[in-house]
Amino acid sequence: PCALLGPADRSAAGLTSPGVAKRVGEASACDYTEPGTF
């Protein structure tokens, strides 16, 4: 999931930082955070 958004994609989505890998239950996930925004 962290490889699905490249740098240009993150920029287009308003995301300025790479994602952080995590798990949601048994599923792989990636968190992106814009502090104070979304």
PDB file of all heavy atoms in Angstrom:
ATOM      1  N   PRO A   1       0.797  -1.225   0.000  1.00  0.00           N
ATOM      2  CA  PRO A   1       0.000   0.000   0.000  1.00  0.00           C
ATOM      3  C   PRO A   1       0.831   1.277   0.000  1.00  0.00           C
ATOM      4  O   PRO A   1       0.393   2.295  -0.525  1.00  0.00           O
ATOM      5  CB  PRO A   1      -0.848  -0.113   1.267  1.00  0.00           C
ATOM      6  CG  PRO A   1      -0.232  -1.173   2.085  1.00  0.00           C
ATOM      7  CD  PRO A   1       0.544  -2.059   1.170  1.00  0.00           C
ATOM      8  N   CYS A   2       2.044   1.246   0.536  1.00  0.00           N
ATOM      9  CA  CYS A   2       2.893   2.440   0.535  1.00  0.00           C
ATOM     10  C   CYS A   2       3.537   2.697  -0.825  1.00  0.00           C
ATOM     11  O   CYS A   2       4.042   3.786  -1.075  1.00  0.00           O
ATOM     12  CB  CYS A   2       3.967   2.343   1.624  1.00  0.00           C
ATOM     13  SG  CYS A   2       3.308   2.531   3.299  1.00  0.00           S
ATOM     14  N   ALA A   3       3.519   1.711  -1.704  1.00  0.00           N
ATOM     15  CA  ALA A   3       4.090   1.880  -3.036  1.00  0.00           C
ATOM     16  C   ALA A   3       3.054   2.347  -4.052  1.00  0.00           C
ATOM     17  O   ALA A   3       3.397   2.626  -5.198  1.00  0.00           O
ATOM     18  CB  ALA A   3       4.707   0.563  -3.505  1.00  0.00           C
ATOM     19  N   LEU A   4       1.799   2.460  -3.645  1.00  0.00           N
ATOM     20  CA  LEU A   4       0.739   2.840  -4.581  1.00  0.00           C
ATOM     21  C   LEU A   4       0.743   4.329  -4.923  1.00  0.00           C
ATOM     22  O   LEU A   4       0.236   4.721  -5.964  1.00  0.00           O
ATOM     23  CB  LEU A   4      -0.631   2.425  -4.039  1.00  0.00           C
ATOM     24  CG  LEU A   4      -0.859   0.917  -3.966  1.00  0.00           C
ATOM     25  CD1 LEU A   4      -2.184   0.607  -3.272  1.00  0.00           C
ATOM     26  CD2 LEU A   4      -0.810   0.285  -5.355  1.00  0.00           C
ATOM     27  N   LEU A   5       1.311   5.166  -4.057  1.00  0.00           N
ATOM     28  CA  LEU A   5       1.415   6.605  -4.325  1.00  0.00           C
ATOM     29  C   LEU A   5       2.879   7.004  -4.430  1.00  0.00           C
ATOM     30  O   LEU A   5       3.613   6.939  -3.446  1.00  0.00           O
ATOM     31  CB  LEU A   5       0.769   7.426  -3.200  1.00  0.00           C
ATOM     32  CG  LEU A   5      -0.739   7.453  -3.089  1.00  0.00           C
ATOM     33  CD1 LEU A   5      -1.168   8.264  -1.871  1.00  0.00           C
ATOM     34  CD2 LEU A   5      -1.380   8.012  -4.348  1.00  0.00           C
ATOM     35  N   GLY A   6       3.299   7.393  -5.614  1.00  0.00           N
ATOM     36  CA  GLY A   6       4.643   7.920  -5.784  1.00  0.00           C
ATOM     37  C   GLY A   6       4.678   9.386  -5.376  1.00  0.00           C
ATOM     38  O   GLY A   6       3.652   9.972  -5.014  1.00  0.00           O
ATOM     39  N   PRO A   7       5.845  10.017  -5.417  1.00  0.00           N
ATOM     40  CA  PRO A   7       5.969  11.415  -5.001  1.00  0.00           C
ATOM     41  C   PRO A   7       5.033  12.369  -5.749  1.00  0.00           C
ATOM     42  O   PRO A   7       4.423  13.244  -5.137  1.00  0.00           O
ATOM     43  CB  PRO A   7       7.442  11.745  -5.277  1.00  0.00           C
ATOM     44  CG  PRO A   7       8.135  10.418  -5.205  1.00  0.00           C
ATOM     45  CD  PRO A   7       7.143   9.428  -5.751  1.00  0.00           C
ATOM     46  N   ALA A   8       4.908  12.224  -7.063  1.00  0.00           N
ATOM     47  CA  ALA A   8       4.022  13.110  -7.830  1.00  0.00           C
ATOM     48  C   ALA A   8       2.565  12.889  -7.433  1.00  0.00           C
ATOM     49  O   ALA A   8       1.789  13.849  -7.342  1.00  0.00           O
ATOM     50  CB  ALA A   8       4.211  12.884  -9.325  1.00  0.00           C
ATOM     51  N   ASP A   9       2.197  11.621  -7.187  1.00  0.00           N
ATOM     52  CA  ASP A   9       0.830  11.317  -6.754  1.00  0.00           C
ATOM     53  C   ASP A   9       0.542  11.926  -5.389  1.00  0.00           C
ATOM     54  O   ASP A   9      -0.526  12.491  -5.164  1.00  0.00           O
ATOM     55  CB  ASP A   9       0.608   9.798  -6.668  1.00  0.00           C
ATOM     56  CG  ASP A   9       0.737   9.118  -8.010  1.00  0.00           C
ATOM     57  OD1 ASP A   9       0.348   9.716  -9.031  1.00  0.00           O
ATOM     58  OD2 ASP A   9       1.229   7.972  -8.034  1.00  0.00           O
ATOM     59  N   ARG A  10       1.491  11.785  -4.481  1.00  0.00           N
ATOM     60  CA  ARG A  10       1.303  12.374  -3.148  1.00  0.00           C
ATOM     61  C   ARG A  10       1.088  13.875  -3.263  1.00  0.00           C
ATOM     62  O   ARG A  10       0.208  14.444  -2.609  1.00  0.00           O
ATOM     63  CB  ARG A  10       2.496  12.067  -2.236  1.00  0.00           C
ATOM     64  CG  ARG A  10       2.558  10.618  -1.795  1.00  0.00           C
ATOM     65  CD  ARG A  10       3.536  10.397  -0.652  1.00  0.00           C
ATOM     66  NE  ARG A  10       4.839  11.007  -0.830  1.00  0.00           N
ATOM     67  CZ  ARG A  10       5.886  10.406  -1.373  1.00  0.00           C
ATOM     68  NH1 ARG A  10       5.779   9.163  -1.816  1.00  0.00           N
ATOM     69  NH2 ARG A  10       7.042  11.032  -1.475  1.00  0.00           N
ATOM     70  N   SER A  11       1.887  14.517  -4.086  1.00  0.00           N
ATOM     71  CA  SER A  11       1.746  15.960  -4.278  1.00  0.00           C
ATOM     72  C   SER A  11       0.362  16.298  -4.840  1.00  0.00           C
ATOM     73  O   SER A  11      -0.288  17.225  -4.360  1.00  0.00           O
ATOM     74  CB  SER A  11       2.845  16.456  -5.222  1.00  0.00           C
ATOM     75  OG  SER A  11       2.711  17.845  -5.426  1.00  0.00           O
ATOM     76  N   ALA A  12      -0.096  15.542  -5.816  1.00  0.00           N
ATOM     77  CA  ALA A  12      -1.426  15.772  -6.409  1.00  0.00           C
ATOM     78  C   ALA A  12      -2.541  15.583  -5.388  1.00  0.00           C
ATOM     79  O   ALA A  12      -3.599  16.212  -5.485  1.00  0.00           O
ATOM     80  CB  ALA A  12      -1.638  14.841  -7.604  1.00  0.00           C
ATOM     81  N   ALA A  13      -2.309  14.726  -4.389  1.00  0.00           N
ATOM     82  CA  ALA A  13      -3.311  14.462  -3.355  1.00  0.00           C
ATOM     83  C   ALA A  13      -3.166  15.406  -2.159  1.00  0.00           C
ATOM     84  O   ALA A  13      -3.927  15.301  -1.194  1.00  0.00           O
ATOM     85  CB  ALA A  13      -3.196  13.011  -2.882  1.00  0.00           C
ATOM     86  N   GLY A  14      -2.191  16.312  -2.205  1.00  0.00           N
ATOM     87  CA  GLY A  14      -1.995  17.238  -1.095  1.00  0.00           C
ATOM     88  C   GLY A  14      -1.206  16.644   0.057  1.00  0.00           C
ATOM     89  O   GLY A  14      -1.249  17.151   1.172  1.00  0.00           O
ATOM     90  N   LEU A  15      -0.467  15.565  -0.219  1.00  0.00           N
ATOM     91  CA  LEU A  15       0.327  14.890   0.804  1.00  0.00           C
ATOM     92  C   LEU A  15       1.798  15.256   0.605  1.00  0.00           C
ATOM     93  O   LEU A  15       2.325  15.133  -0.499  1.00  0.00           O
ATOM     94  CB  LEU A  15       0.143  13.379   0.722  1.00  0.00           C
ATOM     95  CG  LEU A  15      -1.288  12.891   0.938  1.00  0.00           C
ATOM     96  CD1 LEU A  15      -1.443  11.439   0.497  1.00  0.00           C
ATOM     97  CD2 LEU A  15      -1.678  13.063   2.396  1.00  0.00           C
ATOM     98  N   THR A  16       2.467  15.683   1.657  1.00  0.00           N
ATOM     99  CA  THR A  16       3.844  16.150   1.531  1.00  0.00           C
ATOM    100  C   THR A  16       4.887  15.154   2.010  1.00  0.00           C
ATOM    101  O   THR A  16       6.076  15.363   1.787  1.00  0.00           O
ATOM    102  CB  THR A  16       4.024  17.479   2.308  1.00  0.00           C
ATOM    103  OG1 THR A  16       3.676  17.259   3.678  1.00  0.00           O
ATOM    104  CG2 THR A  16       3.160  18.578   1.725  1.00  0.00           C
ATOM    105  N   SER A  17       4.469  14.081   2.659  1.00  0.00           N
ATOM    106  CA  SER A  17       5.429  13.124   3.215  1.00  0.00           C
ATOM    107  C   SER A  17       5.111  11.707   2.760  1.00  0.00           C
ATOM    108  O   SER A  17       3.953  11.380   2.499  1.00  0.00           O
ATOM    109  CB  SER A  17       5.366  13.154   4.750  1.00  0.00           C
ATOM    110  OG  SER A  17       5.658  14.429   5.226  1.00  0.00           O
ATOM    111  N   PRO A  18       6.135  10.845   2.711  1.00  0.00           N
ATOM    112  CA  PRO A  18       5.884   9.430   2.412  1.00  0.00           C
ATOM    113  C   PRO A  18       5.010   8.811   3.499  1.00  0.00           C
ATOM    114  O   PRO A  18       4.929   9.320   4.616  1.00  0.00           O
ATOM    115  CB  PRO A  18       7.279   8.803   2.438  1.00  0.00           C
ATOM    116  CG  PRO A  18       8.225   9.931   2.250  1.00  0.00           C
ATOM    117  CD  PRO A  18       7.558  11.124   2.876  1.00  0.00           C
ATOM    118  N   GLY A  19       4.373   7.718   3.146  1.00  0.00           N
ATOM    119  CA  GLY A  19       3.519   7.021   4.097  1.00  0.00           C
ATOM    120  C   GLY A  19       4.302   6.184   5.083  1.00  0.00           C
ATOM    121  O   GLY A  19       5.496   5.932   4.916  1.00  0.00           O
ATOM    122  N   VAL A  20       3.600   5.752   6.118  1.00  0.00           N
ATOM    123  CA  VAL A  20       4.164   4.892   7.156  1.00  0.00           C
ATOM    124  C   VAL A  20       3.412   3.563   7.121  1.00  0.00           C
ATOM    125  O   VAL A  20       2.181   3.530   7.256  1.00  0.00           O
ATOM    126  CB  VAL A  20       4.029   5.553   8.555  1.00  0.00           C
ATOM    127  CG1 VAL A  20       4.541   4.615   9.639  1.00  0.00           C
ATOM    128  CG2 VAL A  20       4.764   6.882   8.589  1.00  0.00           C
ATOM    129  N   ALA A  21       4.139   2.476   6.924  1.00  0.00           N
ATOM    130  CA  ALA A  21       3.531   1.136   6.856  1.00  0.00           C
ATOM    131  C   ALA A  21       2.955   0.755   8.211  1.00  0.00           C
ATOM    132  O   ALA A  21       3.522   1.094   9.262  1.00  0.00           O
ATOM    133  CB  ALA A  21       4.575   0.112   6.424  1.00  0.00           C
ATOM    134  N   LYS A  22       1.813   0.076   8.194  1.00  0.00           N
ATOM    135  CA  LYS A  22       1.176  -0.402   9.426  1.00  0.00           C
ATOM    136  C   LYS A  22       0.258  -1.571   9.083  1.00  0.00           C
ATOM    137  O   LYS A  22       0.182  -1.977   7.933  1.00  0.00           O
ATOM    138  CB  LYS A  22       0.396   0.721  10.112  1.00  0.00           C
ATOM    139  CG  LYS A  22      -0.765   1.264   9.271  1.00  0.00           C
ATOM    140  CD  LYS A  22      -1.551   2.302  10.003  1.00  0.00           C
ATOM    141  CE  LYS A  22      -2.793   1.662  10.549  1.00  0.00           C
ATOM    142  NZ  LYS A  22      -3.613   2.451  11.370  1.00  0.00           N
ATOM    143  N   ARG A  23      -0.427  -2.080  10.063  1.00  0.00           N
ATOM    144  CA  ARG A  23      -1.403  -3.149   9.877  1.00  0.00           C
ATOM    145  C   ARG A  23      -2.753  -2.655  10.384  1.00  0.00           C
ATOM    146  O   ARG A  23      -2.833  -1.972  11.398  1.00  0.00           O
ATOM    147  CB  ARG A  23      -1.027  -4.403  10.658  1.00  0.00           C
ATOM    148  CG  ARG A  23       0.346  -4.935  10.428  1.00  0.00           C
ATOM    149  CD  ARG A  23       0.625  -5.834   9.302  1.00  0.00           C
ATOM    150  NE  ARG A  23      -0.251  -6.944   9.076  1.00  0.00           N
ATOM    151  CZ  ARG A  23      -0.338  -7.541   7.892  1.00  0.00           C
ATOM    152  NH1 ARG A  23       0.388  -7.121   6.894  1.00  0.00           N
ATOM    153  NH2 ARG A  23      -1.125  -8.551   7.713  1.00  0.00           N
ATOM    154  N   VAL A  24      -3.807  -2.995   9.674  1.00  0.00           N
ATOM    155  CA  VAL A  24      -5.182  -2.789  10.131  1.00  0.00           C
ATOM    156  C   VAL A  24      -5.760  -4.196  10.211  1.00  0.00           C
ATOM    157  O   VAL A  24      -6.076  -4.795   9.189  1.00  0.00           O
ATOM    158  CB  VAL A  24      -5.993  -1.904   9.170  1.00  0.00           C
ATOM    159  CG1 VAL A  24      -7.448  -1.828   9.614  1.00  0.00           C
ATOM    160  CG2 VAL A  24      -5.394  -0.508   9.083  1.00  0.00           C
ATOM    161  N   GLY A  25      -5.807  -4.742  11.403  1.00  0.00           N
ATOM    162  CA  GLY A  25      -6.170  -6.146  11.560  1.00  0.00           C
ATOM    163  C   GLY A  25      -5.112  -6.986  10.892  1.00  0.00           C
ATOM    164  O   GLY A  25      -3.917  -6.854  11.166  1.00  0.00           O
ATOM    165  N   GLU A  26      -5.517  -7.841   9.956  1.00  0.00           N
ATOM    166  CA  GLU A  26      -4.576  -8.687   9.219  1.00  0.00           C
ATOM    167  C   GLU A  26      -4.114  -8.054   7.915  1.00  0.00           C
ATOM    168  O   GLU A  26      -3.290  -8.620   7.206  1.00  0.00           O
ATOM    169  CB  GLU A  26      -5.238 -10.045   8.922  1.00  0.00           C
ATOM    170  CG  GLU A  26      -5.550 -10.850  10.166  1.00  0.00           C
ATOM    171  CD  GLU A  26      -4.299 -11.210  10.950  1.00  0.00           C
ATOM    172  OE1 GLU A  26      -3.296 -11.636  10.342  1.00  0.00           O
ATOM    173  OE2 GLU A  26      -4.323 -11.038  12.180  1.00  0.00           O
ATOM    174  N   ALA A  27      -4.642  -6.891   7.583  1.00  0.00           N
ATOM    175  CA  ALA A  27      -4.357  -6.263   6.295  1.00  0.00           C
ATOM    176  C   ALA A  27      -3.175  -5.302   6.374  1.00  0.00           C
ATOM    177  O   ALA A  27      -2.954  -4.644   7.390  1.00  0.00           O
ATOM    178  CB  ALA A  27      -5.596  -5.516   5.815  1.00  0.00           C
ATOM    179  N   SER A  28      -2.433  -5.207   5.268  1.00  0.00           N
ATOM    180  CA  SER A  28      -1.355  -4.228   5.150  1.00  0.00           C
ATOM    181  C   SER A  28      -1.970  -2.872   4.860  1.00  0.00           C
ATOM    182  O   SER A  28      -2.923  -2.760   4.100  1.00  0.00           O
ATOM    183  CB  SER A  28      -0.424  -4.591   3.996  1.00  0.00           C
ATOM    184  OG  SER A  28       0.211  -5.815   4.249  1.00  0.00           O
ATOM    185  N   ALA A  29      -1.398  -1.840   5.448  1.00  0.00           N
ATOM    186  CA  ALA A  29      -1.914  -0.490   5.248  1.00  0.00           C
ATOM    187  C   ALA A  29      -0.763   0.502   5.238  1.00  0.00           C
ATOM    188  O   ALA A  29       0.366   0.181   5.598  1.00  0.00           O
ATOM    189  CB  ALA A  29      -2.906  -0.143   6.359  1.00  0.00           C
ATOM    190  N   CYS A  30      -1.069   1.719   4.810  1.00  0.00           N
ATOM    191  CA  CYS A  30      -0.098   2.795   4.783  1.00  0.00           C
ATOM    192  C   CYS A  30      -0.802   4.074   5.212  1.00  0.00           C
ATOM    193  O   CYS A  30      -1.846   4.424   4.665  1.00  0.00           O
ATOM    194  CB  CYS A  30       0.479   2.942   3.375  1.00  0.00           C
ATOM    195  SG  CYS A  30       1.919   4.037   3.307  1.00  0.00           S
ATOM    196  N   ASP A  31      -0.242   4.750   6.205  1.00  0.00           N
ATOM    197  CA  ASP A  31      -0.787   6.012   6.714  1.00  0.00           C
ATOM    198  C   ASP A  31      -0.010   7.191   6.151  1.00  0.00           C
ATOM    199  O   ASP A  31       1.226   7.193   6.144  1.00  0.00           O
ATOM    200  CB  ASP A  31      -0.644   6.071   8.244  1.00  0.00           C
ATOM    201  CG  ASP A  31      -1.848   5.532   8.969  1.00  0.00           C
ATOM    202  OD1 ASP A  31      -2.934   5.454   8.374  1.00  0.00           O
ATOM    203  OD2 ASP A  31      -1.703   5.190  10.150  1.00  0.00           O
ATOM    204  N   TYR A  32      -0.756   8.195   5.717  1.00  0.00           N
ATOM    205  CA  TYR A  32      -0.204   9.473   5.285  1.00  0.00           C
ATOM    206  C   TYR A  32      -0.868  10.532   6.142  1.00  0.00           C
ATOM    207  O   TYR A  32      -2.087  10.522   6.299  1.00  0.00           O
ATOM    208  CB  TYR A  32      -0.526   9.751   3.815  1.00  0.00           C
ATOM    209  CG  TYR A  32       0.053   8.741   2.863  1.00  0.00           C
ATOM    210  CD1 TYR A  32      -0.647   7.579   2.545  1.00  0.00           C
ATOM    211  CD2 TYR A  32       1.287   8.955   2.276  1.00  0.00           C
ATOM    212  CE1 TYR A  32      -0.116   6.653   1.665  1.00  0.00           C
ATOM    213  CE2 TYR A  32       1.825   8.028   1.393  1.00  0.00           C
ATOM    214  CZ  TYR A  32       1.114   6.884   1.093  1.00  0.00           C
ATOM    215  OH  TYR A  32       1.640   5.966   0.219  1.00  0.00           O
ATOM    216  N   THR A  33      -0.081  11.460   6.673  1.00  0.00           N
ATOM    217  CA  THR A  33      -0.640  12.471   7.567  1.00  0.00           C
ATOM    218  C   THR A  33      -0.179  13.860   7.172  1.00  0.00           C
ATOM    219  O   THR A  33       1.014  14.085   6.938  1.00  0.00           O
ATOM    220  CB  THR A  33      -0.210  12.198   9.023  1.00  0.00           C
ATOM    221  OG1 THR A  33      -0.647  10.889   9.388  1.00  0.00           O
ATOM    222  CG2 THR A  33      -0.812  13.204   9.976  1.00  0.00           C
ATOM    223  N   GLU A  34      -1.123  14.760   7.098  1.00  0.00           N
ATOM    224  CA  GLU A  34      -0.851  16.182   6.977  1.00  0.00           C
ATOM    225  C   GLU A  34      -1.278  16.782   8.310  1.00  0.00           C
ATOM    226  O   GLU A  34      -2.474  17.016   8.527  1.00  0.00           O
ATOM    227  CB  GLU A  34      -1.633  16.799   5.808  1.00  0.00           C
ATOM    228  CG  GLU A  34      -1.089  16.424   4.453  1.00  0.00           C
ATOM    229  CD  GLU A  34       0.376  16.786   4.285  1.00  0.00           C
ATOM    230  OE1 GLU A  34       0.744  17.958   4.537  1.00  0.00           O
ATOM    231  OE2 GLU A  34       1.166  15.900   3.925  1.00  0.00           O
ATOM    232  N   PRO A  35      -0.336  16.972   9.242  1.00  0.00           N
ATOM    233  CA  PRO A  35      -0.673  17.408  10.594  1.00  0.00           C
ATOM    234  C   PRO A  35      -1.587  18.638  10.610  1.00  0.00           C
ATOM    235  O   PRO A  35      -1.352  19.604   9.890  1.00  0.00           O
ATOM    236  CB  PRO A  35       0.682  17.727  11.225  1.00  0.00           C
ATOM    237  CG  PRO A  35       1.649  16.856  10.466  1.00  0.00           C
ATOM    238  CD  PRO A  35       1.113  16.848   9.058  1.00  0.00           C
ATOM    239  N   GLY A  36      -2.624  18.530  11.416  1.00  0.00           N
ATOM    240  CA  GLY A  36      -3.576  19.620  11.570  1.00  0.00           C
ATOM    241  C   GLY A  36      -4.560  19.763  10.434  1.00  0.00           C
ATOM    242  O   GLY A  36      -5.417  20.636  10.456  1.00  0.00           O
ATOM    243  N   THR A  37      -4.467  18.904   9.404  1.00  0.00           N
ATOM    244  CA  THR A  37      -5.337  19.028   8.239  1.00  0.00           C
ATOM    245  C   THR A  37      -6.135  17.754   7.997  1.00  0.00           C
ATOM    246  O   THR A  37      -7.345  17.739   8.169  1.00  0.00           O
ATOM    247  CB  THR A  37      -4.514  19.384   6.979  1.00  0.00           C
ATOM    248  OG1 THR A  37      -3.690  20.510   7.261  1.00  0.00           O
ATOM    249  CG2 THR A  37      -5.416  19.714   5.814  1.00  0.00           C
ATOM    250  N   PHE A  38      -5.452  16.685   7.568  1.00  0.00           N
ATOM    251  CA  PHE A  38      -6.136  15.433   7.274  1.00  0.00           C
ATOM    252  C   PHE A  38      -5.147  14.286   7.214  1.00  0.00           C
ATOM    253  O   PHE A  38      -3.938  14.495   7.194  1.00  0.00           O
ATOM    254  CB  PHE A  38      -6.928  15.514   5.957  1.00  0.00           C
ATOM    255  CG  PHE A  38      -6.083  15.517   4.700  1.00  0.00           C
ATOM    256  CD1 PHE A  38      -5.974  14.363   3.939  1.00  0.00           C
ATOM    257  CD2 PHE A  38      -5.416  16.652   4.282  1.00  0.00           C
ATOM    258  CE1 PHE A  38      -5.212  14.353   2.777  1.00  0.00           C
ATOM    259  CE2 PHE A  38      -4.654  16.660   3.131  1.00  0.00           C
ATOM    260  CZ  PHE A  38      -4.554  15.504   2.371  1.00  0.00           C
TER     261      PHE A  38
END
